[in-house]
Amino acid sequence: MNNIILIGMPGAGKSTLGVQLAKQLGLDFVDTDVLIQLSESELLHNILESTGFLNLRSIEERILLGLSLQNHVIATGGSAVYSEAGMAKLKSLGPVIHLDVQMEELLSRIGDYSQRGIASDQSQSFADICAERIPLYRKYADIVIDCGSRSQAEILDELAAIIESGEK
């Protein structure tokens, strides 16, 4: 297995768990949101404000399609699942793991989501965004991890066990 791809809502723990998982498995780590910001020399929420959510999704797709990585844990932006081509590229790079977290828990983790740079229509509530994205995460996931109220250590142990066993 060359890479491990983490998908899920903002606040699901993709970056936090991704760094820890990479360390535990001896892999490199990359966050595609950071790649977008480096590419554009702009923070995600500034891109959203200046050019809109559809442009941010377009930039994200370009970044995903340009990935050429080996031996990485890849944390994606929450909106990566809107790009069928981008998800096909990610799936070609390794197993896609959906970190599934309930909306109430996500809201408690991220607080004011308006500052998160979430690529969505401003008229959408967080509940609307969840309702739209969760079926897409499930569609593209090879593995779903129910994060529930579990600790990071418990989730990390489950991820590592699944990956080391080669399950899908």
C-alpha atoms as a PDB file:
ATOM      1  CA  MET A   1       0.000   0.000   0.000  1.00  0.00           C
ATOM      2  CA  ASN A   2       1.627   3.246  -1.143  1.00  0.00           C
ATOM      3  CA  ASN A   3      -0.559   5.867   0.505  1.00  0.00           C
ATOM      4  CA  ILE A   4      -3.457   6.198   2.916  1.00  0.00           C
ATOM      5  CA  ILE A   5      -6.108   8.805   2.148  1.00  0.00           C
ATOM      6  CA  LEU A   6      -8.305  10.307   4.874  1.00  0.00           C
ATOM      7  CA  ILE A   7     -11.639  11.913   4.007  1.00  0.00           C
ATOM      8  CA  GLY A   8     -14.366  13.406   6.157  1.00  0.00           C
ATOM      9  CA  MET A   9     -15.998  16.560   7.384  1.00  0.00           C
ATOM     10  CA  PRO A  10     -14.006  19.499   8.743  1.00  0.00           C
ATOM     11  CA  GLY A  11     -13.267  18.674  12.363  1.00  0.00           C
ATOM     12  CA  ALA A  12     -13.273  14.894  11.806  1.00  0.00           C
ATOM     13  CA  GLY A  13      -9.569  14.712  12.683  1.00  0.00           C
ATOM     14  CA  LYS A  14      -8.057  14.074   9.258  1.00  0.00           C
ATOM     15  CA  SER A  15      -5.016  16.284   9.856  1.00  0.00           C
ATOM     16  CA  THR A  16      -4.571  15.508  13.554  1.00  0.00           C
ATOM     17  CA  LEU A  17      -4.923  11.748  13.180  1.00  0.00           C
ATOM     18  CA  GLY A  18      -3.113  11.817   9.841  1.00  0.00           C
ATOM     19  CA  VAL A  19       0.069  13.227  11.371  1.00  0.00           C
ATOM     20  CA  GLN A  20      -0.056  10.682  14.197  1.00  0.00           C
ATOM     21  CA  LEU A  21      -0.787   7.794  11.838  1.00  0.00           C
ATOM     22  CA  ALA A  22       2.068   8.798   9.551  1.00  0.00           C
ATOM     23  CA  LYS A  23       4.415   8.863  12.529  1.00  0.00           C
ATOM     24  CA  GLN A  24       3.241   5.474  13.774  1.00  0.00           C
ATOM     25  CA  LEU A  25       3.573   3.833  10.345  1.00  0.00           C
ATOM     26  CA  GLY A  26       6.781   5.595   9.285  1.00  0.00           C
ATOM     27  CA  LEU A  27       5.139   7.484   6.417  1.00  0.00           C
ATOM     28  CA  ASP A  28       5.224  11.101   5.261  1.00  0.00           C
ATOM     29  CA  PHE A  29       2.190  13.336   5.747  1.00  0.00           C
ATOM     30  CA  VAL A  30       0.520  15.891   3.494  1.00  0.00           C
ATOM     31  CA  ASP A  31      -2.617  17.977   3.940  1.00  0.00           C
ATOM     32  CA  THR A  32      -4.203  18.970   0.634  1.00  0.00           C
ATOM     33  CA  ASP A  33      -5.695  22.112   2.219  1.00  0.00           C
ATOM     34  CA  VAL A  34      -2.134  23.260   2.932  1.00  0.00           C
ATOM     35  CA  LEU A  35      -1.146  22.444  -0.668  1.00  0.00           C
ATOM     36  CA  ILE A  36      -4.022  24.646  -1.873  1.00  0.00           C
ATOM     37  CA  GLN A  37      -2.914  27.510   0.363  1.00  0.00           C
ATOM     38  CA  LEU A  38       0.694  27.186  -0.804  1.00  0.00           C
ATOM     39  CA  SER A  39      -0.365  27.023  -4.449  1.00  0.00           C
ATOM     40  CA  GLU A  40      -2.533  30.130  -4.147  1.00  0.00           C
ATOM     41  CA  SER A  41      -0.463  32.018  -1.519  1.00  0.00           C
ATOM     42  CA  GLU A  42      -3.771  32.568   0.253  1.00  0.00           C
ATOM     43  CA  LEU A  43      -5.684  31.113   3.190  1.00  0.00           C
ATOM     44  CA  LEU A  44      -8.731  28.988   2.351  1.00  0.00           C
ATOM     45  CA  HIS A  45     -11.255  31.390   3.830  1.00  0.00           C
ATOM     46  CA  ASN A  46      -9.645  34.277   1.884  1.00  0.00           C
ATOM     47  CA  ILE A  47      -9.956  32.299  -1.353  1.00  0.00           C
ATOM     48  CA  LEU A  48     -13.616  31.675  -0.519  1.00  0.00           C
ATOM     49  CA  GLU A  49     -14.262  35.345   0.194  1.00  0.00           C
ATOM     50  CA  SER A  50     -12.469  36.646  -2.882  1.00  0.00           C
ATOM     51  CA  THR A  51     -13.414  34.094  -5.564  1.00  0.00           C
ATOM     52  CA  GLY A  52     -16.150  31.860  -4.126  1.00  0.00           C
ATOM     53  CA  PHE A  53     -16.631  28.239  -3.167  1.00  0.00           C
ATOM     54  CA  LEU A  54     -16.824  26.904  -6.719  1.00  0.00           C
ATOM     55  CA  ASN A  55     -13.408  28.351  -7.521  1.00  0.00           C
ATOM     56  CA  LEU A  56     -11.973  26.814  -4.330  1.00  0.00           C
ATOM     57  CA  ARG A  57     -13.358  23.435  -5.371  1.00  0.00           C
ATOM     58  CA  SER A  58     -11.805  23.885  -8.817  1.00  0.00           C
ATOM     59  CA  ILE A  59      -8.417  24.670  -7.262  1.00  0.00           C
ATOM     60  CA  GLU A  60      -8.804  21.660  -4.970  1.00  0.00           C
ATOM     61  CA  GLU A  61      -9.520  19.396  -7.953  1.00  0.00           C
ATOM     62  CA  ARG A  62      -6.407  20.693  -9.750  1.00  0.00           C
ATOM     63  CA  ILE A  63      -4.288  19.981  -6.661  1.00  0.00           C
ATOM     64  CA  LEU A  64      -5.752  16.481  -6.251  1.00  0.00           C
ATOM     65  CA  LEU A  65      -5.207  15.614  -9.915  1.00  0.00           C
ATOM     66  CA  GLY A  66      -1.597  16.774  -9.661  1.00  0.00           C
ATOM     67  CA  LEU A  67      -0.715  14.572  -6.682  1.00  0.00           C
ATOM     68  CA  SER A  68       2.138  12.195  -7.282  1.00  0.00           C
ATOM     69  CA  LEU A  69       2.988  10.764  -3.892  1.00  0.00           C
ATOM     70  CA  GLN A  70       4.271   7.538  -2.423  1.00  0.00           C
ATOM     71  CA  ASN A  71       4.347   6.451   1.195  1.00  0.00           C
ATOM     72  CA  HIS A  72       2.167   9.279   2.501  1.00  0.00           C
ATOM     73  CA  VAL A  73      -0.831   9.731   4.691  1.00  0.00           C
ATOM     74  CA  ILE A  74      -2.928  12.248   2.752  1.00  0.00           C
ATOM     75  CA  ALA A  75      -5.467  14.368   4.630  1.00  0.00           C
ATOM     76  CA  THR A  76      -7.917  15.872   2.170  1.00  0.00           C
ATOM     77  CA  GLY A  77     -10.100  18.913   2.387  1.00  0.00           C
ATOM     78  CA  GLY A  78     -13.692  18.116   3.314  1.00  0.00           C
ATOM     79  CA  SER A  79     -14.884  19.069  -0.155  1.00  0.00           C
ATOM     80  CA  ALA A  80     -12.561  16.730  -2.075  1.00  0.00           C
ATOM     81  CA  VAL A  81     -15.519  14.376  -2.582  1.00  0.00           C
ATOM     82  CA  TYR A  82     -17.213  16.869  -4.912  1.00  0.00           C
ATOM     83  CA  SER A  83     -14.624  16.034  -7.572  1.00  0.00           C
ATOM     84  CA  GLU A  84     -15.227  12.636  -9.150  1.00  0.00           C
ATOM     85  CA  ALA A  85     -11.927  12.917 -11.045  1.00  0.00           C
ATOM     86  CA  GLY A  86     -10.085  13.981  -7.901  1.00  0.00           C
ATOM     87  CA  MET A  87     -11.490  11.058  -5.934  1.00  0.00           C
ATOM     88  CA  ALA A  88     -10.589   8.624  -8.723  1.00  0.00           C
ATOM     89  CA  LYS A  89      -7.030   9.954  -8.541  1.00  0.00           C
ATOM     90  CA  LEU A  90      -6.947   9.558  -4.750  1.00  0.00           C
ATOM     91  CA  LYS A  91      -8.341   6.019  -4.953  1.00  0.00           C
ATOM     92  CA  SER A  92      -5.550   5.174  -7.421  1.00  0.00           C
ATOM     93  CA  LEU A  93      -3.026   6.273  -4.794  1.00  0.00           C
ATOM     94  CA  GLY A  94      -4.254   4.063  -1.952  1.00  0.00           C
ATOM     95  CA  PRO A  95      -7.197   3.134   0.247  1.00  0.00           C
ATOM     96  CA  VAL A  96      -9.641   5.912   1.105  1.00  0.00           C
ATOM     97  CA  ILE A  97     -10.689   5.998   4.754  1.00  0.00           C
ATOM     98  CA  HIS A  98     -13.715   7.985   5.888  1.00  0.00           C
ATOM     99  CA  LEU A  99     -13.434   9.339   9.432  1.00  0.00           C
ATOM    100  CA  ASP A 100     -17.109   9.376  10.381  1.00  0.00           C
ATOM    101  CA  VAL A 101     -18.031  11.797  13.169  1.00  0.00           C
ATOM    102  CA  GLN A 102     -21.533  12.881  14.215  1.00  0.00           C
ATOM    103  CA  MET A 103     -22.513  16.461  13.375  1.00  0.00           C
ATOM    104  CA  GLU A 104     -22.939  17.503  17.027  1.00  0.00           C
ATOM    105  CA  GLU A 105     -19.390  16.364  17.812  1.00  0.00           C
ATOM    106  CA  LEU A 106     -18.031  18.140  14.727  1.00  0.00           C
ATOM    107  CA  LEU A 107     -19.689  21.397  15.777  1.00  0.00           C
ATOM    108  CA  SER A 108     -18.260  21.122  19.289  1.00  0.00           C
ATOM    109  CA  ARG A 109     -14.774  20.586  17.820  1.00  0.00           C
ATOM    110  CA  ILE A 110     -14.770  23.404  15.272  1.00  0.00           C
ATOM    111  CA  GLY A 111     -17.012  26.033  16.860  1.00  0.00           C
ATOM    112  CA  ASP A 112     -17.495  28.858  14.347  1.00  0.00           C
ATOM    113  CA  TYR A 113     -17.256  26.978  11.072  1.00  0.00           C
ATOM    114  CA  SER A 114     -17.416  30.201   9.042  1.00  0.00           C
ATOM    115  CA  GLN A 115     -13.678  30.687   9.648  1.00  0.00           C
ATOM    116  CA  ARG A 116     -12.763  27.147   8.552  1.00  0.00           C
ATOM    117  CA  GLY A 117     -12.704  27.797   4.808  1.00  0.00           C
ATOM    118  CA  ILE A 118     -15.473  25.292   4.080  1.00  0.00           C
ATOM    119  CA  ALA A 119     -16.105  25.202   0.336  1.00  0.00           C
ATOM    120  CA  SER A 120     -19.876  25.555   0.321  1.00  0.00           C
ATOM    121  CA  ASP A 121     -22.607  28.002  -0.535  1.00  0.00           C
ATOM    122  CA  GLN A 122     -22.876  30.605   2.256  1.00  0.00           C
ATOM    123  CA  SER A 123     -26.625  29.982   2.472  1.00  0.00           C
ATOM    124  CA  GLN A 124     -25.993  26.393   3.613  1.00  0.00           C
ATOM    125  CA  SER A 125     -26.058  25.520   7.289  1.00  0.00           C
ATOM    126  CA  PHE A 126     -23.544  23.078   8.723  1.00  0.00           C
ATOM    127  CA  ALA A 127     -26.351  20.496   8.822  1.00  0.00           C
ATOM    128  CA  ASP A 128     -27.002  21.086   5.105  1.00  0.00           C
ATOM    129  CA  ILE A 129     -23.312  20.592   4.328  1.00  0.00           C
ATOM    130  CA  CYS A 130     -23.210  17.350   6.339  1.00  0.00           C
ATOM    131  CA  ALA A 131     -26.354  16.048   4.634  1.00  0.00           C
ATOM    132  CA  GLU A 132     -24.839  16.784   1.226  1.00  0.00           C
ATOM    133  CA  ARG A 133     -21.356  15.381   1.896  1.00  0.00           C
ATOM    134  CA  ILE A 134     -21.893  12.287   4.039  1.00  0.00           C
ATOM    135  CA  PRO A 135     -23.355  10.203   1.177  1.00  0.00           C
ATOM    136  CA  LEU A 136     -20.347  11.209  -0.947  1.00  0.00           C
ATOM    137  CA  TYR A 137     -17.878  10.158   1.775  1.00  0.00           C
ATOM    138  CA  ARG A 138     -19.631   6.790   1.988  1.00  0.00           C
ATOM    139  CA  LYS A 139     -19.628   6.440  -1.801  1.00  0.00           C
ATOM    140  CA  TYR A 140     -15.865   6.868  -2.111  1.00  0.00           C
ATOM    141  CA  ALA A 141     -14.695   5.225   1.130  1.00  0.00           C
ATOM    142  CA  ASP A 142     -12.963   1.870   1.051  1.00  0.00           C
ATOM    143  CA  ILE A 143     -13.066   1.843   4.857  1.00  0.00           C
ATOM    144  CA  VAL A 144     -15.319   3.741   7.282  1.00  0.00           C
ATOM    145  CA  ILE A 145     -14.096   4.403  10.808  1.00  0.00           C
ATOM    146  CA  ASP A 146     -16.851   5.283  13.268  1.00  0.00           C
ATOM    147  CA  CYS A 147     -15.062   7.830  15.417  1.00  0.00           C
ATOM    148  CA  GLY A 148     -18.037   8.320  17.747  1.00  0.00           C
ATOM    149  CA  SER A 149     -16.943   9.438  21.179  1.00  0.00           C
ATOM    150  CA  ARG A 150     -13.728   7.441  21.024  1.00  0.00           C
ATOM    151  CA  SER A 151     -10.351   8.859  21.941  1.00  0.00           C
ATOM    152  CA  GLN A 152      -7.751   9.717  19.324  1.00  0.00           C
ATOM    153  CA  ALA A 153      -5.604   6.864  20.627  1.00  0.00           C
ATOM    154  CA  GLU A 154      -8.426   4.331  20.120  1.00  0.00           C
ATOM    155  CA  ILE A 155      -9.120   5.569  16.599  1.00  0.00           C
ATOM    156  CA  LEU A 156      -5.422   5.587  15.755  1.00  0.00           C
ATOM    157  CA  ASP A 157      -5.042   2.017  17.018  1.00  0.00           C
ATOM    158  CA  GLU A 158      -7.972   0.887  14.851  1.00  0.00           C
ATOM    159  CA  LEU A 159      -6.582   2.685  11.788  1.00  0.00           C
ATOM    160  CA  ALA A 160      -3.130   1.199  12.266  1.00  0.00           C
ATOM    161  CA  ALA A 161      -4.538  -2.310  12.794  1.00  0.00           C
ATOM    162  CA  ILE A 162      -6.669  -2.107   9.630  1.00  0.00           C
ATOM    163  CA  ILE A 163      -3.808  -0.767   7.554  1.00  0.00           C
ATOM    164  CA  GLU A 164      -1.235  -3.218   8.857  1.00  0.00           C
ATOM    165  CA  SER A 165      -3.617  -6.143   8.225  1.00  0.00           C
ATOM    166  CA  GLY A 166      -4.286  -4.961   4.675  1.00  0.00           C
ATOM    167  CA  GLU A 167      -8.075  -5.040   5.183  1.00  0.00           C
ATOM    168  CA  LYS A 168     -10.410  -3.201   2.862  1.00  0.00           C
END
